[in-house]
Protein backbone atom coordinates (compact mmCIF):
# COMPACT_ATOMS: atom_id res chain seq x y z
CA MET A 1 31.32 36.58 -96.62
CA PRO A 2 34.85 36.15 -95.22
CA ALA A 3 36.10 32.57 -95.22
CA THR A 4 36.21 30.70 -91.93
CA PRO A 5 37.41 27.19 -91.04
CA ARG A 6 35.41 24.16 -92.12
CA CYS A 7 33.07 22.68 -89.51
CA ARG A 8 31.31 19.46 -88.71
CA SER A 9 27.59 18.90 -89.20
CA SER A 10 25.12 20.82 -87.05
CA SER A 11 24.15 17.69 -85.11
CA ARG A 12 27.76 17.07 -84.06
CA MET A 13 28.19 20.72 -83.16
CA GLY A 14 25.31 20.64 -80.65
CA LEU A 15 23.05 22.66 -82.93
CA ALA A 16 20.69 19.95 -84.12
CA SER A 17 16.90 20.23 -84.10
CA THR A 18 15.43 21.08 -80.73
CA ARG A 19 13.44 17.85 -80.95
CA ALA A 20 16.62 15.91 -80.22
CA MET A 21 17.38 14.67 -76.72
CA PRO A 22 19.46 17.12 -74.65
CA ALA A 23 23.18 16.41 -74.82
CA ILE A 24 24.71 14.93 -71.68
CA ALA A 25 26.93 17.45 -69.94
CA ARG A 26 30.41 16.09 -70.38
CA LYS A 27 32.89 17.77 -68.07
CA ALA A 28 34.98 18.83 -71.06
CA GLN A 29 32.00 20.84 -72.35
CA VAL A 30 31.38 22.67 -69.06
CA LEU A 31 33.56 25.74 -69.15
CA PRO A 32 35.05 27.83 -66.36
CA HIS A 33 33.99 31.46 -66.42
CA ALA A 34 37.36 32.50 -67.85
CA ASP A 35 36.76 30.36 -70.95
CA VAL A 36 33.24 31.72 -71.40
CA ARG A 37 34.67 35.24 -71.28
CA ALA A 38 37.33 34.21 -73.80
CA ILE A 39 34.60 33.00 -76.18
CA VAL A 40 32.65 36.25 -75.81
CA GLU A 41 35.79 38.32 -76.42
CA ALA A 42 36.81 36.18 -79.40
CA ALA A 43 33.31 36.58 -80.84
CA GLY A 44 33.79 40.34 -80.76
CA GLN A 45 37.08 40.01 -82.61
CA VAL A 46 35.69 37.65 -85.27
CA ASP A 47 32.69 39.95 -85.60
CA HIS A 48 34.94 42.96 -86.23
CA ASP A 49 37.23 41.17 -88.67
CA GLY A 50 34.31 39.70 -90.60
CA ASN A 51 32.31 42.94 -90.83
CA TRP A 52 29.37 41.53 -88.88
CA GLY A 53 28.53 44.92 -87.40
CA GLY A 54 28.06 43.54 -83.89
CA ASP A 55 25.43 40.96 -84.88
CA LEU A 56 27.58 37.89 -84.24
CA ALA A 57 28.96 39.24 -80.97
CA ARG A 58 25.47 39.96 -79.63
CA LEU A 59 24.24 36.46 -80.47
CA ILE A 60 27.15 34.75 -78.70
CA LEU A 61 26.82 37.10 -75.71
CA LEU A 62 23.15 36.24 -75.26
CA LEU A 63 23.78 32.51 -75.61
CA ALA A 64 26.44 32.75 -72.91
CA ALA A 65 24.48 35.05 -70.60
CA THR A 66 21.18 33.17 -70.68
CA GLY A 67 22.07 29.55 -71.38
CA ALA A 68 19.14 29.48 -73.79
CA ARG A 69 19.01 27.43 -76.97
CA PHE A 70 19.84 28.99 -80.32
CA SER A 71 16.23 28.45 -81.44
CA GLN A 72 15.00 30.52 -78.49
CA VAL A 73 17.48 33.38 -78.69
CA VAL A 74 16.83 34.05 -82.38
CA ARG A 75 13.10 34.44 -81.66
CA LEU A 76 13.62 37.30 -79.22
CA THR A 77 11.91 40.56 -80.13
CA VAL A 78 12.90 44.09 -79.19
CA ALA A 79 10.09 44.16 -76.61
CA ASP A 80 11.51 41.07 -74.91
CA VAL A 81 14.41 43.13 -73.57
CA ARG A 82 13.48 45.01 -70.38
CA ALA A 83 16.51 47.23 -70.09
CA SER A 84 15.40 49.14 -66.99
CA GLN A 85 14.78 45.88 -65.13
CA MET A 86 17.92 44.14 -66.41
CA GLN A 87 15.80 41.31 -67.78
CA VAL A 88 15.34 39.35 -70.97
CA MET A 89 12.00 37.64 -71.55
CA MET A 90 13.18 34.48 -73.29
CA PRO A 91 10.62 32.71 -75.52
CA THR A 92 10.00 29.17 -74.34
CA SER A 93 11.21 26.37 -76.54
CA ARG A 94 8.98 24.56 -78.99
CA LYS A 95 10.03 21.19 -77.65
CA GLY A 96 7.45 18.72 -76.43
CA LYS A 97 3.76 18.40 -77.19
CA GLY A 98 0.81 20.55 -76.28
CA GLU A 99 0.65 24.19 -75.25
CA LYS A 100 2.94 25.43 -72.49
CA ALA A 101 1.58 27.32 -69.49
CA VAL A 102 3.90 30.27 -70.12
CA SER A 103 5.27 31.76 -73.31
CA HIS A 104 8.39 33.41 -71.89
CA THR A 105 10.92 32.90 -69.11
CA ARG A 106 12.21 35.93 -67.23
CA ILE A 107 16.03 35.88 -67.09
CA ARG A 108 18.20 38.39 -65.29
CA VAL A 109 21.26 39.64 -67.15
CA GLY A 110 24.11 41.98 -66.34
CA GLU A 111 24.61 45.62 -67.20
CA ASP A 112 27.20 44.61 -69.79
CA VAL A 113 24.61 42.56 -71.68
CA ILE A 114 22.05 45.37 -71.66
CA ALA A 115 24.69 47.86 -72.83
CA ALA A 116 25.62 45.56 -75.73
CA LEU A 117 21.96 45.28 -76.77
CA LYS A 118 21.11 49.00 -76.64
CA PRO A 119 22.31 49.69 -80.22
CA VAL A 120 19.68 47.24 -81.56
CA LEU A 121 16.92 48.57 -79.30
CA ALA A 122 16.96 52.26 -80.17
CA GLY A 123 14.38 53.42 -82.67
CA ARG A 124 12.89 49.99 -83.37
CA LYS A 125 9.38 48.61 -82.91
CA GLY A 126 8.82 46.16 -80.09
CA SER A 127 7.56 43.49 -82.48
CA GLU A 128 10.75 43.48 -84.56
CA THR A 129 13.19 40.58 -84.29
CA LEU A 130 15.95 41.57 -81.88
CA LEU A 131 18.92 39.78 -83.44
CA LEU A 132 19.69 40.12 -87.11
CA ARG A 133 22.68 39.06 -89.19
CA PRO A 134 24.30 40.45 -92.31
CA ARG A 135 23.56 39.02 -95.73
CA TRP A 136 26.42 38.91 -98.20
CA ARG A 137 26.73 38.48 -101.94
CA GLN A 138 29.84 37.16 -103.61
CA VAL A 139 31.18 39.65 -106.13
CA GLY A 140 34.53 38.05 -106.82
CA PRO A 141 36.60 34.91 -106.22
CA VAL A 142 37.38 35.97 -102.64
CA LYS A 143 35.35 39.16 -102.34
CA TRP A 144 31.97 39.59 -100.69
CA GLU A 145 29.75 42.61 -100.15
CA ARG A 146 26.99 43.19 -97.63
CA ILE A 147 23.52 43.48 -99.13
CA GLY A 148 21.49 43.98 -95.98
CA ARG A 149 20.48 42.29 -92.75
CA ALA A 150 17.88 39.66 -91.90
CA PRO A 151 16.91 37.40 -88.98
CA TRP A 152 18.90 34.25 -88.30
CA GLN A 153 17.19 31.34 -90.03
CA SER A 154 19.10 28.21 -89.09
CA SER A 155 21.62 27.08 -86.51
CA SER A 156 23.81 25.96 -89.40
CA GLU A 157 24.55 29.65 -90.03
CA LEU A 158 26.56 29.65 -86.82
CA LEU A 159 28.82 26.72 -87.68
CA ARG A 160 31.53 28.55 -89.63
CA PRO A 161 31.80 31.63 -87.37
CA TRP A 162 31.73 29.40 -84.27
CA ALA A 163 34.76 27.51 -85.53
CA ALA A 164 36.56 30.80 -86.06
CA ILE A 165 35.60 31.97 -82.55
CA ILE A 166 36.87 28.81 -80.86
CA GLU A 167 40.12 28.98 -82.82
CA ARG A 168 40.59 32.64 -81.87
CA ALA A 169 39.86 31.86 -78.21
CA GLY A 170 42.45 29.08 -78.21
CA LEU A 171 39.99 26.43 -77.03
CA ALA A 172 39.53 22.80 -78.05
CA GLY A 173 38.30 22.36 -81.60
CA ASP A 174 35.59 19.87 -80.57
CA LEU A 175 33.89 22.41 -78.30
CA VAL A 176 30.26 22.89 -79.34
CA PRO A 177 27.98 25.92 -78.88
CA TYR A 178 25.82 23.88 -76.48
CA ALA A 179 28.74 24.17 -74.07
CA LEU A 180 27.51 27.67 -73.26
CA ARG A 181 24.20 26.17 -72.12
CA HIS A 182 25.92 23.41 -70.13
CA SER A 183 28.12 26.02 -68.46
CA SER A 184 25.18 28.26 -67.58
CA ILE A 185 23.28 25.38 -65.97
CA VAL A 186 26.30 24.24 -63.95
CA ARG A 187 27.03 27.85 -62.95
CA GLY A 188 23.54 28.07 -61.43
CA LEU A 189 23.96 24.79 -59.59
CA ALA A 190 27.37 25.81 -58.26
CA ALA A 191 25.86 29.06 -56.98
CA GLY A 192 23.48 27.02 -54.85
CA LEU A 193 20.31 27.73 -56.79
CA PRO A 194 17.60 25.08 -56.31
CA VAL A 195 17.45 22.51 -59.10
CA ARG A 196 13.87 23.52 -59.84
CA LEU A 197 14.90 27.17 -60.33
CA VAL A 198 17.85 26.25 -62.55
CA ALA A 199 15.49 24.10 -64.63
CA ALA A 200 12.93 26.89 -64.93
CA LEU A 201 15.52 29.46 -65.97
CA HIS A 202 16.74 27.13 -68.70
CA ASP A 203 13.29 26.06 -69.88
CA THR A 204 13.71 22.41 -69.01
CA SER A 205 12.62 19.97 -66.30
CA SER A 206 14.12 19.17 -62.94
CA GLU A 207 14.25 15.54 -64.05
CA MET A 208 16.43 16.44 -67.02
CA ILE A 209 18.78 18.46 -64.81
CA GLU A 210 19.06 15.62 -62.32
CA ARG A 211 19.62 13.04 -65.05
CA HIS A 212 22.26 14.87 -67.07
CA TYR A 213 23.98 17.00 -64.40
CA ALA A 214 23.87 14.61 -61.42
CA HIS A 215 27.60 14.76 -60.64
CA PHE A 216 27.56 18.56 -60.73
CA ILE A 217 24.61 18.61 -58.33
CA VAL A 218 26.54 16.36 -55.94
CA ASP A 219 29.56 18.68 -56.12
CA ALA A 220 27.36 21.73 -55.49
CA MET A 221 25.62 20.09 -52.54
CA ASP A 222 28.96 19.10 -51.04
CA GLU A 223 30.17 22.70 -51.34
CA LEU A 224 27.00 24.03 -49.70
CA ALA A 225 27.30 21.45 -46.94
CA ALA A 226 30.90 22.51 -46.35
CA ARG A 227 29.80 26.12 -45.93
CA ALA A 228 27.34 25.04 -43.24
CA VAL A 229 30.04 23.41 -41.09
CA VAL A 230 30.86 25.47 -37.98
CA PRO A 231 33.41 24.73 -35.24
CA LEU A 232 31.75 23.18 -32.17
CA ILE A 233 34.71 22.95 -29.81
CA THR A 234 35.90 26.18 -28.25
CA PRO A 235 39.64 26.45 -28.83
CA ALA A 236 41.78 26.49 -25.72
CA PRO A 237 42.96 29.94 -24.73
CA ALA A 238 46.48 30.74 -25.78
CA LYS A 239 49.04 30.51 -23.02
CA LEU A 240 50.59 33.78 -21.99
CA ARG A 241 54.32 34.00 -22.11
CA ALA A 242 56.45 36.36 -20.11
CA VAL A 243 58.29 38.85 -22.25
CA ARG A 244 61.79 39.72 -21.10
CA ARG A 245 62.68 43.34 -21.29
């Protein structure tokens, strides 16, 4: 496997066990759309250079497009992608106790996401794991060879390629993968979606959204309120001026 920069532990990279408390959305970890696009594009470049065969790029694209957790995205099956409806049926998280009322959350995605997933949909059974990753074997001091593909097993597998992606994108080295989730949540709030809907789409509670994204909600509400302002005083008619010929 090609060498990539050293990384911090999975807990510091925002990839710790899903039983951990959600990370507070620091403004530095909420990315503008241009930076999210830069990460997706950099993932494609790192994928190509590292002989990932598209597997890494598809994972990062789905994380960015859905705002789902790593543990959810890697459990997607082929049948969970509804290409004709532009939807991904995201498995609910395993956080919390007891059985959840629903097993999947319906998430709309763009045509670009569906197009990127089509190569791993064709000719496969619906029950198969959607996202796979290459497996390598070291055959020399700095030489690796691919020996097949298998499902992602642990978020720690993303640490090294993530560091390479962030470096290639020219973004801050302390940026964590969870930033894609933060950014997706804030993007929904900024678009004026109700807090309850944003929470449902991201498989969390309205209380969590309000607690960790309060200042973004205030900003979104202020923007919506500004759009509702209309002029109430009719402007005075413009005075006519004689035009000399």
